[in-house]
Amino acid sequence: MNIHIKSISASLVFSVLLYSKTMGINLVILSLVIISLVLLEHKSQKETIKYALTYLFTALMVFLDPTNFKIFVHAMAFLIYMGKSIAPKNSLYLSWFIGLTNMVLASIHQLNSYLTKEDHKNTAVSSKTKTILKALGIALGLIILFSLLYQKSNPVFSGLISAINFDFLSFPWLLFTVFGYFIFLHILKPYYPETLITLDHAQGNTLKKSTPNFSLEQNKKLADEYTLGSIIFIALNSLLFIFLITDFIYLIDTDTSTNSEYSKSVHQGVYALLLSIICAIAIILYFFRGDLNFYTKSKNIKILCYIWIAMNLILVLFTGYKNYTYVATLGLTYKRIGVFVYLLFILAGLCTTYLKVSKTKSFIYLIRSNVAVIFAVLFVSAIIPWDKSITYYNLNTIENVDIQYLIDLGNTNSIQLKKYSEKKKATAFEASITTKYSRFIHQEKEKSWQEYSIYSLIYH
C-alpha cells in the first residue's frame, strides 16, 4: 500500500481516537497502530522492539491513571521510539531529539528531495497509485450523489441517512486530520539526519592519550594545569568540609514541627546543591578533559576529586534526611517528592562523574549515561499513581492532614477522600469532598469509549 494512502487511513483513525477527546484507551489503540505501521515498514529492526514495548507500556499507564505527567512520559517514549526506529544504534540522548526533529523536518526534507530533478523522478507517484486515488475520489462522489437520490425515493433510507451524525465534520476537525496525516507521513517516511548520526557514532566513551610520549612543553603545560587544579580542589574541599559541619549542626538542632524556615531550607538547599554540583562537575570536566588524565602525578589530583565527590555524597544524604523528616512530619507533596527525584539525579551525576575520572571516560559518556538515568526514572515513575499514593500516605500516616491540598490534587483520589470523609466525619471539608467525588463519577460516566480509563470501566 502507498505511504500516502496509509497516512490518510491512519490520520482518520487518529481523528476518531483523539479529536476533542481526553486521554485514555485511545492512546493504547493509537500506540498499537503506530507500532504496527513502524514494524511493517521496518521489519528488520528487531532491536527497536523493546522501545516499542516501553512506548506501549506508557500508554497503558495513562489508561490506568490518566494524569498530565504520564501523558508527558508517553510523549517522550513516542519520540524515543521514533528516533530508535530511524537509527536503532544511536545513543538514547540523541534518539528523542531525532524523533522530535523528524516530526518537524521530514516533510520539508521530502519536499526538497521531490523538487530536485533526480529525486523527482524517483519519488514520482506511480500510475497504480494515481488510479487508486482517482477511483476513491470518484467512488466517494458517486456515493454522495446516489445517497441523495435514494434518500428522495425511500423514507426508510432517508431516515437512516438523517440518523448519521456528521457534526464532527468541521474545519477544526479537518485541520486536526491533516495534522494527523503529516504525523503518520513522518512516521512512515522519516527524515534521516545522517550528519548527526555519523557524529554520534564517532564519539567514544573512553578518552585516549593524544601522544604516546609527552614533550617537555606538554609536560610543563600539564604541570601548570595540575597545580591550578590541585589548588582549586583543595579550596573547594575545604569550603565543603566547613559547610558539612555547619549543616550537621543545623540538622540536629532543628525542630521540623515548629521551624517555619525548615521548608525553605530544604527546597532552596536542593536547588543550591544542584547548581553547585553542576558547576563543580563542569570544573572536573575541564581539568580531566584530556591529557591530564595520563599525567604522571594525576593520581594526587584524582584523590582530591574523589574526596570532593565523597563529601557531596554526604551532603546528598543530609539533604535527603532533611526532606525525609519533613515528609514524616507534614506529609507527602509533589514538591517533596521532587526533592527526592532531584537528589536521585544528583547521586547519578556524582557516580558517573566518579566513573568518568577513575575509568578515564569522555564527556559524551557523562551525557549518555545521565540522560539514560533521567529517562529510566521518568518511565519507572510512570508506574506509580502519584495522586492516590500521596493521598494514601498522608491519610494513613500524618496526624494533622492538609485535606485541602489533597482536594486540590487530581480527581483520581476522589474515592479515597470520600471514604475518609465518611469514616472521619470531616465536616469542614465534607462539601468539597462530596463535590469532587460527584464530579469525578459524572465525568467518568460521561466519557466516550475513546476516553475510557480503568475508572470509566468501573463506574460507567
Protein backbone atom coordinates (compact mmCIF):
# COMPACT_ATOMS: atom_id res chain seq x y z
CA MET A 1 0.00 0.00 0.00
CA ASN A 2 1.27 3.51 -0.86
CA ILE A 3 2.64 5.58 2.04
CA HIS A 4 0.17 8.41 1.36
CA ILE A 5 -2.82 6.06 1.46
CA LYS A 6 -1.53 4.55 4.71
CA SER A 7 -1.06 8.05 6.13
CA ILE A 8 -4.56 9.14 5.13
CA SER A 9 -6.11 5.99 6.60
CA ALA A 10 -4.12 6.33 9.82
CA SER A 11 -4.99 10.04 10.11
CA LEU A 12 -8.70 9.18 10.04
CA VAL A 13 -8.11 6.72 12.88
CA PHE A 14 -6.08 9.44 14.62
CA SER A 15 -9.01 11.87 14.39
CA VAL A 16 -11.61 9.34 15.55
CA LEU A 17 -9.49 8.49 18.57
CA LEU A 18 -8.19 11.91 19.65
CA TYR A 19 -10.27 14.79 18.23
CA SER A 20 -11.91 16.65 21.15
CA LYS A 21 -11.14 13.72 23.45
CA THR A 22 -9.32 13.35 26.73
CA MET A 23 -6.62 10.71 27.02
CA GLY A 24 -7.43 7.12 27.91
CA ILE A 25 -7.74 3.89 25.97
CA ASN A 26 -7.41 5.91 22.75
CA LEU A 27 -3.66 6.24 23.43
CA VAL A 28 -3.34 2.46 23.79
CA ILE A 29 -5.09 1.88 20.45
CA LEU A 30 -3.12 4.64 18.72
CA SER A 31 0.14 3.22 20.09
CA LEU A 32 -0.72 -0.21 18.66
CA VAL A 33 -1.49 1.39 15.28
CA ILE A 34 1.84 3.29 15.25
CA ILE A 35 3.87 0.26 16.36
CA SER A 36 2.20 -1.92 13.71
CA LEU A 37 2.94 0.60 10.95
CA VAL A 38 6.57 1.03 12.04
CA LEU A 39 7.16 -2.73 12.25
CA LEU A 40 5.61 -3.26 8.82
CA GLU A 41 7.82 -0.57 7.32
CA HIS A 42 10.98 -1.64 9.16
CA LYS A 43 10.66 -5.40 9.56
CA SER A 44 14.38 -5.93 10.08
CA GLN A 45 14.70 -3.60 13.11
CA LYS A 46 14.24 -6.15 15.88
CA GLU A 47 16.36 -4.08 18.29
CA THR A 48 13.60 -1.42 18.45
CA ILE A 49 11.02 -3.84 19.88
CA LYS A 50 11.98 -3.05 23.49
CA TYR A 51 11.38 0.65 22.81
CA ALA A 52 8.06 -0.19 21.17
CA LEU A 53 7.05 -2.14 24.28
CA THR A 54 8.13 0.76 26.51
CA TYR A 55 6.03 3.13 24.38
CA LEU A 56 3.01 0.80 24.65
CA PHE A 57 3.62 0.39 28.38
CA THR A 58 3.42 4.16 28.98
CA ALA A 59 0.11 4.21 27.07
CA LEU A 60 -1.22 1.52 29.40
CA MET A 61 -0.11 3.62 32.37
CA VAL A 62 -2.16 6.54 31.02
CA PHE A 63 -5.17 4.18 30.70
CA LEU A 64 -4.72 3.04 34.31
CA ASP A 65 -4.08 6.52 35.73
CA PRO A 66 -4.67 9.39 33.27
CA THR A 67 -2.57 12.31 34.53
CA ASN A 68 -0.69 15.05 32.70
CA PHE A 69 2.65 13.69 33.94
CA LYS A 70 2.01 10.24 32.47
CA ILE A 71 0.84 11.77 29.19
CA PHE A 72 4.14 13.70 29.08
CA VAL A 73 6.13 10.49 29.74
CA HIS A 74 4.15 8.78 26.97
CA ALA A 75 5.03 11.62 24.56
CA MET A 76 8.73 11.26 25.46
CA ALA A 77 8.51 7.49 24.89
CA PHE A 78 6.99 8.18 21.47
CA LEU A 79 9.84 10.50 20.46
CA ILE A 80 12.47 8.00 21.64
CA TYR A 81 10.74 5.17 19.77
CA MET A 82 10.62 7.28 16.62
CA GLY A 83 14.30 8.15 16.98
CA LYS A 84 15.23 4.50 17.50
CA SER A 85 13.13 3.39 14.50
CA ILE A 86 15.11 5.85 12.35
CA ALA A 87 18.56 5.00 13.79
CA PRO A 88 18.39 1.92 16.07
CA LYS A 89 22.05 2.05 17.14
CA ASN A 90 22.01 5.71 18.04
CA SER A 91 22.57 6.94 21.60
CA LEU A 92 19.47 7.47 23.73
CA TYR A 93 20.28 11.15 24.34
CA LEU A 94 20.07 11.76 20.59
CA SER A 95 17.13 9.46 19.82
CA TRP A 96 14.47 11.72 21.36
CA PHE A 97 15.96 14.73 19.53
CA ILE A 98 15.90 12.83 16.22
CA GLY A 99 12.30 11.82 16.93
CA LEU A 100 11.37 15.44 17.63
CA THR A 101 13.13 16.91 14.58
CA ASN A 102 11.64 14.19 12.40
CA MET A 103 8.12 15.32 13.33
CA VAL A 104 9.01 18.84 12.17
CA LEU A 105 11.53 18.46 9.33
CA ALA A 106 10.53 15.28 7.49
CA SER A 107 8.01 16.98 5.16
CA ILE A 108 10.40 19.84 4.40
CA HIS A 109 13.16 17.35 3.58
CA GLN A 110 10.82 15.28 1.41
CA LEU A 111 9.61 18.38 -0.46
CA ASN A 112 13.19 19.46 -1.08
CA SER A 113 14.05 15.98 -2.39
CA TYR A 114 10.96 15.96 -4.59
CA LEU A 115 11.84 19.30 -6.15
CA THR A 116 15.28 18.11 -7.23
CA LYS A 117 15.23 16.62 -10.70
CA GLU A 118 16.84 13.32 -9.87
CA ASP A 119 14.74 12.68 -6.79
CA HIS A 120 11.62 13.91 -8.57
CA LYS A 121 11.89 11.01 -10.99
CA ASN A 122 12.42 8.51 -8.20
CA THR A 123 9.61 9.80 -5.99
CA ALA A 124 7.00 10.38 -8.66
CA VAL A 125 3.63 8.88 -7.82
CA SER A 126 3.10 5.58 -9.65
CA SER A 127 0.28 5.19 -12.18
CA LYS A 128 -1.29 2.49 -10.00
CA THR A 129 -1.44 4.88 -7.02
CA LYS A 130 -2.94 7.61 -9.21
CA THR A 131 -5.57 5.13 -10.40
CA ILE A 132 -6.44 4.11 -6.83
CA LEU A 133 -6.72 7.72 -5.64
CA LYS A 134 -8.81 8.64 -8.68
CA ALA A 135 -11.08 5.64 -8.13
CA LEU A 136 -11.56 6.50 -4.45
CA GLY A 137 -12.45 10.11 -5.31
CA ILE A 138 -14.94 9.08 -7.99
CA ALA A 139 -16.44 6.38 -5.72
CA LEU A 140 -16.91 8.89 -2.88
CA GLY A 141 -18.59 11.39 -5.22
CA LEU A 142 -20.93 8.73 -6.61
CA ILE A 143 -21.83 7.51 -3.12
CA ILE A 144 -22.84 11.04 -2.12
CA LEU A 145 -24.81 11.56 -5.36
CA PHE A 146 -26.73 8.28 -5.22
CA SER A 147 -27.37 8.65 -1.49
CA LEU A 148 -29.12 11.93 -2.21
CA LEU A 149 -31.18 10.28 -4.99
CA TYR A 150 -32.11 7.23 -2.92
CA GLN A 151 -32.99 9.44 0.04
CA LYS A 152 -35.78 11.05 -2.04
CA SER A 153 -37.30 7.75 -3.08
CA ASN A 154 -37.16 5.71 0.15
CA PRO A 155 -38.30 7.14 3.51
CA VAL A 156 -36.55 4.33 5.49
CA PHE A 157 -33.26 5.00 3.72
CA SER A 158 -33.84 8.72 4.22
CA GLY A 159 -34.25 8.16 7.95
CA LEU A 160 -31.06 6.11 8.02
CA ILE A 161 -29.08 8.88 6.29
CA SER A 162 -30.57 11.52 8.58
CA ALA A 163 -29.61 9.49 11.65
CA ILE A 164 -25.91 9.60 10.72
CA ASN A 165 -24.24 12.37 12.72
CA PHE A 166 -21.87 14.42 10.62
CA ASP A 167 -21.46 17.15 13.25
CA PHE A 168 -17.80 16.21 13.71
CA LEU A 169 -17.09 17.28 10.12
CA SER A 170 -15.81 20.82 10.63
CA PHE A 171 -12.87 22.97 9.69
CA PRO A 172 -11.06 22.32 13.03
CA TRP A 173 -11.62 18.58 12.55
CA LEU A 174 -10.22 18.85 9.01
CA LEU A 175 -7.10 20.67 10.29
CA PHE A 176 -6.67 18.06 13.03
CA THR A 177 -6.94 15.26 10.47
CA VAL A 178 -4.40 16.94 8.18
CA PHE A 179 -2.12 17.28 11.19
CA GLY A 180 -2.53 13.55 11.79
CA TYR A 181 -1.73 12.85 8.14
CA PHE A 182 1.61 14.65 8.42
CA ILE A 183 2.43 12.87 11.69
CA PHE A 184 1.94 9.47 10.06
CA LEU A 185 3.70 10.57 6.88
CA HIS A 186 6.72 11.47 9.03
CA ILE A 187 6.48 8.14 10.84
CA LEU A 188 6.33 6.12 7.62
CA LYS A 189 8.83 8.21 5.67
CA PRO A 190 11.13 9.76 8.27
CA TYR A 191 13.95 12.24 7.94
CA TYR A 192 17.36 10.63 8.40
CA PRO A 193 19.86 13.16 9.90
CA GLU A 194 22.97 11.45 8.59
CA THR A 195 25.43 14.05 9.87
CA LEU A 196 24.18 13.88 13.46
CA ILE A 197 24.08 10.09 13.47
CA THR A 198 27.58 9.75 11.99
CA LEU A 199 28.92 12.28 14.52
CA ASP A 200 27.34 10.38 17.41
CA HIS A 201 28.77 7.05 16.25
CA ALA A 202 32.23 8.61 16.06
CA GLN A 203 32.15 9.66 19.73
CA GLY A 204 33.79 7.10 22.01
CA ASN A 205 33.09 6.66 25.73
CA THR A 206 36.78 6.43 26.68
CA LEU A 207 39.45 9.13 26.43
CA LYS A 208 42.69 8.36 24.62
CA LYS A 209 46.15 9.79 25.11
CA SER A 210 46.93 12.39 22.46
CA THR A 211 50.52 11.14 22.02
CA PRO A 212 52.47 8.12 23.33
CA ASN A 213 55.13 10.33 24.97
CA PHE A 214 54.64 13.90 26.17
CA SER A 215 57.13 16.54 25.07
CA LEU A 216 58.80 18.92 27.53
CA GLU A 217 56.38 21.67 26.53
CA GLN A 218 53.37 19.37 27.05
CA ASN A 219 54.71 18.26 30.45
CA LYS A 220 55.12 21.89 31.52
CA LYS A 221 51.59 22.72 30.44
CA LEU A 222 50.19 19.66 32.26
CA ALA A 223 52.19 20.57 35.37
CA ASP A 224 50.59 24.04 35.35
CA GLU A 225 47.13 22.51 34.97
CA TYR A 226 47.91 20.06 37.76
CA THR A 227 48.95 22.88 40.11
CA LEU A 228 45.93 25.01 39.24
CA GLY A 229 43.52 22.08 39.60
CA SER A 230 45.03 20.97 42.92
CA ILE A 231 44.67 24.44 44.46
CA ILE A 232 41.06 24.73 43.24
CA PHE A 233 40.04 21.29 44.54
CA ILE A 234 41.76 21.87 47.90
CA ALA A 235 39.84 25.15 48.24
CA LEU A 236 36.53 23.52 47.22
CA ASN A 237 37.06 20.60 49.58
CA SER A 238 37.92 22.91 52.49
CA LEU A 239 34.83 25.04 51.93
CA LEU A 240 32.58 21.98 51.56
CA PHE A 241 34.00 20.40 54.72
CA ILE A 242 33.17 23.54 56.74
CA PHE A 243 29.69 23.64 55.19
CA LEU A 244 29.06 19.98 56.10
CA ILE A 245 29.94 20.67 59.75
CA THR A 246 27.55 23.64 59.92
CA ASP A 247 24.85 21.68 58.07
CA PHE A 248 25.18 18.80 60.54
CA ILE A 249 24.82 21.23 63.47
CA TYR A 250 21.71 22.73 61.84
CA LEU A 251 20.37 19.24 61.19
CA ILE A 252 20.50 18.07 64.81
CA ASP A 253 19.27 21.37 66.29
CA THR A 254 16.26 21.98 64.02
CA ASP A 255 12.69 21.13 65.04
CA THR A 256 10.69 20.39 61.88
CA SER A 257 7.34 20.83 63.56
CA THR A 258 7.95 24.39 64.78
CA ASN A 259 10.58 25.87 62.48
CA SER A 260 8.88 27.64 59.59
CA GLU A 261 12.25 28.10 57.90
CA TYR A 262 12.74 24.33 57.58
CA SER A 263 10.73 24.01 54.36
CA LYS A 264 12.60 26.93 52.80
CA SER A 265 15.90 25.38 53.92
CA VAL A 266 15.12 22.03 52.30
CA HIS A 267 13.90 23.31 48.93
CA GLN A 268 16.40 26.11 48.47
CA GLY A 269 19.15 23.79 49.72
CA VAL A 270 18.37 21.27 47.00
CA TYR A 271 18.41 23.90 44.25
CA ALA A 272 21.69 25.35 45.57
CA LEU A 273 23.14 21.83 45.88
CA LEU A 274 22.13 21.00 42.32
CA LEU A 275 23.63 24.22 40.93
CA SER A 276 26.86 23.88 42.94
CA ILE A 277 27.37 20.28 41.83
CA ILE A 278 26.74 21.17 38.18
CA CYS A 279 29.37 23.94 38.47
CA ALA A 280 31.83 21.63 40.19
CA ILE A 281 31.27 18.86 37.62
CA ALA A 282 31.99 21.45 34.94
CA ILE A 283 35.31 22.18 36.68
CA ILE A 284 36.10 18.45 36.78
CA LEU A 285 35.25 18.11 33.09
CA TYR A 286 37.59 20.98 32.30
CA PHE A 287 40.58 19.56 34.15
CA PHE A 288 40.01 15.94 33.15
CA ARG A 289 39.09 16.69 29.54
CA GLY A 290 42.32 15.34 28.05
CA ASP A 291 45.95 14.55 28.77
CA LEU A 292 45.85 15.46 32.48
CA ASN A 293 44.22 12.03 32.96
CA PHE A 294 47.54 10.47 31.81
CA TYR A 295 49.91 12.85 33.64
CA THR A 296 52.37 11.08 35.99
CA LYS A 297 51.09 12.98 39.06
CA SER A 298 47.40 12.80 38.12
CA LYS A 299 46.75 10.31 40.95
CA ASN A 300 47.03 13.10 43.55
CA ILE A 301 44.51 15.42 41.88
CA LYS A 302 42.19 12.45 41.31
CA ILE A 303 42.27 11.73 45.05
CA LEU A 304 41.23 15.35 45.72
CA CYS A 305 38.41 14.89 43.21
CA TYR A 306 37.27 11.65 44.92
CA ILE A 307 37.24 13.42 48.30
CA TRP A 308 35.06 16.15 46.84
CA ILE A 309 32.65 13.55 45.37
CA ALA A 310 32.52 11.67 48.72
CA MET A 311 31.69 14.85 50.66
CA ASN A 312 28.99 15.71 48.15
CA LEU A 313 27.50 12.26 48.69
CA ILE A 314 27.37 13.05 52.42
CA LEU A 315 25.68 16.36 51.57
CA VAL A 316 23.10 14.48 49.48
CA LEU A 317 22.42 12.18 52.45
CA PHE A 318 22.00 15.18 54.79
CA THR A 319 19.54 16.84 52.39
CA GLY A 320 17.67 13.58 51.85
CA TYR A 321 17.34 13.13 55.61
CA LYS A 322 16.03 16.69 55.98
CA ASN A 323 13.40 16.03 53.36
CA TYR A 324 12.51 12.67 54.91
CA THR A 325 11.89 14.20 58.34
CA TYR A 326 9.89 16.96 56.66
CA VAL A 327 7.70 14.35 54.90
CA ALA A 328 7.33 12.26 58.07
CA THR A 329 6.08 15.33 59.95
CA LEU A 330 3.95 17.19 57.39
CA GLY A 331 3.21 14.57 54.70
CA LEU A 332 3.94 14.00 51.05
CA THR A 333 3.54 16.66 48.38
CA TYR A 334 4.72 16.84 44.79
CA LYS A 335 7.44 19.33 45.79
CA ARG A 336 8.79 16.98 48.45
CA ILE A 337 8.75 14.07 46.02
CA GLY A 338 10.53 16.35 43.56
CA VAL A 339 13.29 16.91 46.12
CA PHE A 340 13.93 13.14 46.28
CA VAL A 341 13.99 12.98 42.48
CA TYR A 342 16.48 15.86 42.28
CA LEU A 343 18.68 14.11 44.84
CA LEU A 344 18.50 10.90 42.82
CA PHE A 345 19.69 12.77 39.72
CA ILE A 346 22.48 14.40 41.73
CA LEU A 347 23.50 10.99 43.05
CA ALA A 348 23.60 9.61 39.50
CA GLY A 349 25.66 12.61 38.37
CA LEU A 350 28.19 12.10 41.16
CA CYS A 351 28.51 8.36 40.44
CA THR A 352 29.01 8.88 36.71
CA THR A 353 31.49 11.68 37.42
CA TYR A 354 33.47 9.28 39.63
CA LEU A 355 33.46 6.70 36.81
CA LYS A 356 34.47 9.40 34.32
CA VAL A 357 37.56 10.26 36.39
CA SER A 358 38.53 6.77 37.59
CA LYS A 359 37.93 4.99 34.26
CA THR A 360 39.13 7.89 32.06
CA LYS A 361 35.75 8.32 30.40
CA SER A 362 34.79 11.07 27.97
CA PHE A 363 32.31 13.93 28.29
CA ILE A 364 29.95 12.14 25.90
CA TYR A 365 29.91 9.21 28.34
CA LEU A 366 28.52 11.52 31.02
CA ILE A 367 25.82 12.77 28.66
CA ARG A 368 24.82 9.28 27.53
CA SER A 369 24.74 7.74 30.99
CA ASN A 370 22.94 10.60 32.75
CA VAL A 371 20.31 11.00 30.03
CA ALA A 372 19.67 7.25 30.29
CA VAL A 373 19.15 7.67 34.05
CA ILE A 374 16.73 10.57 33.51
CA PHE A 375 14.59 8.60 31.06
CA ALA A 376 14.71 5.48 33.25
CA VAL A 377 13.45 7.47 36.26
CA LEU A 378 10.70 9.02 34.14
CA PHE A 379 9.46 5.68 32.85
CA VAL A 380 9.63 3.96 36.24
CA SER A 381 7.83 6.86 37.92
CA ALA A 382 5.03 6.48 35.36
CA ILE A 383 4.11 3.22 37.09
CA ILE A 384 3.16 4.97 40.34
CA PRO A 385 -0.33 6.55 40.72
CA TRP A 386 1.05 9.62 42.45
CA ASP A 387 -2.18 11.36 43.47
CA LYS A 388 -3.51 8.19 45.07
CA SER A 389 -0.15 7.38 46.69
CA ILE A 390 0.18 10.86 48.21
CA THR A 391 -3.38 10.66 49.49
CA TYR A 392 -2.92 7.17 50.96
CA TYR A 393 0.31 8.10 52.74
CA ASN A 394 -1.00 11.35 54.19
CA LEU A 395 -4.34 9.95 55.35
CA ASN A 396 -2.79 6.89 56.97
CA THR A 397 0.44 8.34 58.37
CA ILE A 398 0.13 12.05 59.16
CA GLU A 399 -1.67 13.24 62.28
CA ASN A 400 -2.70 16.69 61.01
CA VAL A 401 -3.50 16.12 57.34
CA ASP A 402 -3.72 19.02 54.90
CA ILE A 403 -7.06 17.93 53.44
CA GLN A 404 -7.33 20.97 51.19
CA TYR A 405 -4.08 20.02 49.45
CA LEU A 406 -5.46 16.53 48.78
CA ILE A 407 -8.70 18.00 47.44
CA ASP A 408 -6.68 20.18 45.04
CA LEU A 409 -4.96 17.10 43.57
CA GLY A 410 -6.34 15.28 40.51
CA ASN A 411 -9.70 13.54 40.60
CA THR A 412 -8.29 10.02 40.88
CA ASN A 413 -8.12 10.28 44.70
CA SER A 414 -11.84 11.16 44.99
CA ILE A 415 -12.87 7.72 46.24
CA GLN A 416 -10.17 7.72 48.93
CA LEU A 417 -11.26 11.16 50.14
CA LYS A 418 -14.93 10.14 50.10
CA LYS A 419 -14.22 7.07 52.28
CA TYR A 420 -12.09 9.19 54.61
CA SER A 421 -14.86 11.78 54.90
CA GLU A 422 -17.46 9.13 55.75
CA LYS A 423 -15.17 7.46 58.28
CA LYS A 424 -13.72 10.55 59.99
CA LYS A 425 -16.73 12.83 59.57
CA ALA A 426 -14.55 15.56 58.11
CA THR A 427 -17.36 18.11 58.29
CA ALA A 428 -15.16 21.13 57.45
CA PHE A 429 -14.28 19.63 54.05
CA GLU A 430 -17.25 17.30 53.55
CA ALA A 431 -18.97 19.51 50.99
CA SER A 432 -15.80 19.97 48.92
CA ILE A 433 -15.02 16.25 49.03
CA THR A 434 -18.58 15.32 48.02
CA THR A 435 -18.49 17.80 45.13
CA LYS A 436 -15.17 16.43 43.92
CA TYR A 437 -16.38 12.84 44.19
CA SER A 438 -19.64 13.57 42.34
CA ARG A 439 -17.78 15.44 39.60
CA PHE A 440 -15.35 12.54 39.20
CA ILE A 441 -18.10 9.91 38.90
CA HIS A 442 -20.09 12.10 36.50
CA GLN A 443 -17.05 12.73 34.27
CA GLU A 444 -16.23 9.03 34.11
CA LYS A 445 -19.82 8.13 33.20
CA GLU A 446 -19.99 10.80 30.51
CA LYS A 447 -16.77 9.78 28.75
CA SER A 448 -16.96 8.37 25.23
CA TRP A 449 -15.39 4.98 24.52
CA GLN A 450 -12.21 6.61 23.20
CA GLU A 451 -11.64 8.34 26.54
CA TYR A 452 -12.19 5.31 28.74
CA SER A 453 -9.74 4.76 31.57
CA ILE A 454 -9.82 1.96 34.10
CA TYR A 455 -12.10 4.16 36.22
CA SER A 456 -14.58 4.54 33.34
CA LEU A 457 -14.90 0.77 33.03
CA ILE A 458 -15.64 0.53 36.76
CA TYR A 459 -18.13 3.38 37.06
CA HIS A 460 -19.65 3.62 33.55
